[in-house]
Protein backbone atom coordinates (compact mmCIF):
# COMPACT_ATOMS: atom_id res chain seq x y z
CA MET A 1 76.80 -92.21 -23.29
CA ARG A 2 73.58 -93.39 -26.03
CA LYS A 3 70.73 -95.76 -25.17
CA LYS A 4 71.80 -98.40 -27.29
CA ASP A 5 75.57 -99.18 -25.39
CA VAL A 6 73.98 -99.08 -22.16
CA ILE A 7 70.67 -101.02 -22.83
CA GLN A 8 73.40 -103.71 -25.15
CA HIS A 9 76.05 -103.70 -22.01
CA PHE A 10 73.58 -104.62 -19.39
CA ASN A 11 71.63 -107.19 -21.70
CA GLY A 12 68.16 -105.36 -21.85
CA VAL A 13 66.10 -102.79 -21.09
CA SER A 14 64.80 -105.01 -17.88
CA ASN A 15 68.96 -105.35 -16.59
CA THR A 16 69.38 -101.82 -17.81
CA ALA A 17 66.69 -100.37 -15.46
CA GLN A 18 67.48 -103.22 -12.42
CA ALA A 19 71.11 -102.22 -12.31
CA VAL A 20 70.09 -98.37 -12.43
CA GLY A 21 67.67 -98.77 -9.77
CA ILE A 22 64.72 -97.32 -12.02
CA GLY A 23 62.03 -98.56 -13.45
CA GLN A 24 61.69 -100.28 -16.91
CA SER A 25 59.61 -97.36 -18.35
CA ALA A 26 61.69 -94.57 -17.59
CA VAL A 27 64.76 -96.27 -19.19
CA SER A 28 62.33 -96.82 -21.80
CA GLN A 29 61.49 -92.89 -21.97
CA TRP A 30 65.82 -92.07 -22.77
CA SER A 31 66.60 -90.50 -25.74
CA ASP A 32 69.17 -91.74 -27.53
CA ILE A 33 71.41 -89.87 -25.26
CA ILE A 34 70.86 -91.01 -21.87
CA PRO A 35 70.84 -88.36 -18.96
CA MET A 36 73.65 -87.01 -17.87
CA ALA A 37 73.50 -87.68 -14.50
CA ARG A 38 72.52 -91.40 -15.23
CA ALA A 39 75.59 -91.31 -17.77
CA LEU A 40 78.00 -90.34 -15.24
CA GLN A 41 76.32 -92.92 -12.40
CA LEU A 42 77.33 -95.65 -14.99
CA GLU A 43 80.82 -95.06 -15.89
CA ARG A 44 81.06 -94.89 -12.38
CA GLN A 45 79.21 -98.36 -11.74
CA THR A 46 80.20 -99.75 -14.73
CA ASN A 47 83.97 -99.01 -13.89
CA GLY A 48 84.89 -97.22 -17.14
CA VAL A 49 83.31 -99.85 -19.43
CA LEU A 50 80.54 -97.65 -19.84
CA LYS A 51 81.69 -93.87 -20.65
CA PHE A 52 80.61 -90.90 -20.07
CA ASP A 53 81.49 -88.46 -23.25
CA ASP A 54 80.97 -84.60 -22.03
CA SER A 55 80.87 -83.35 -26.38
CA LEU A 56 77.23 -85.31 -26.38
CA TYR A 57 75.93 -83.24 -23.92
CA LYS A 58 77.76 -80.09 -25.30
CA LYS A 59 76.14 -81.25 -28.78
CA THR A 60 72.62 -81.76 -27.64
CA GLY A 61 72.38 -79.69 -24.97
CA ALA A 62 71.07 -82.90 -23.43
CA THR A 63 70.95 -81.96 -19.76
CA HIS A 64 68.17 -84.58 -19.26
CA ALA A 65 67.19 -85.55 -15.16
CA LYS A 66 65.23 -88.42 -15.03
């Protein structure tokens, strides 16, 4: 899941942080591909509106845990 898509969905970093239950600085520190655990959380939280894409994590090896 890409950071820009999540931030766009929630209309900004502040709203994204509030929706996920973390600080704005943590959202700002995400790379282009957000941490896998957050992507899974957001897919469930948005009832699939935001989609977890396993291929993004296989390609990059990104398993960030913020």
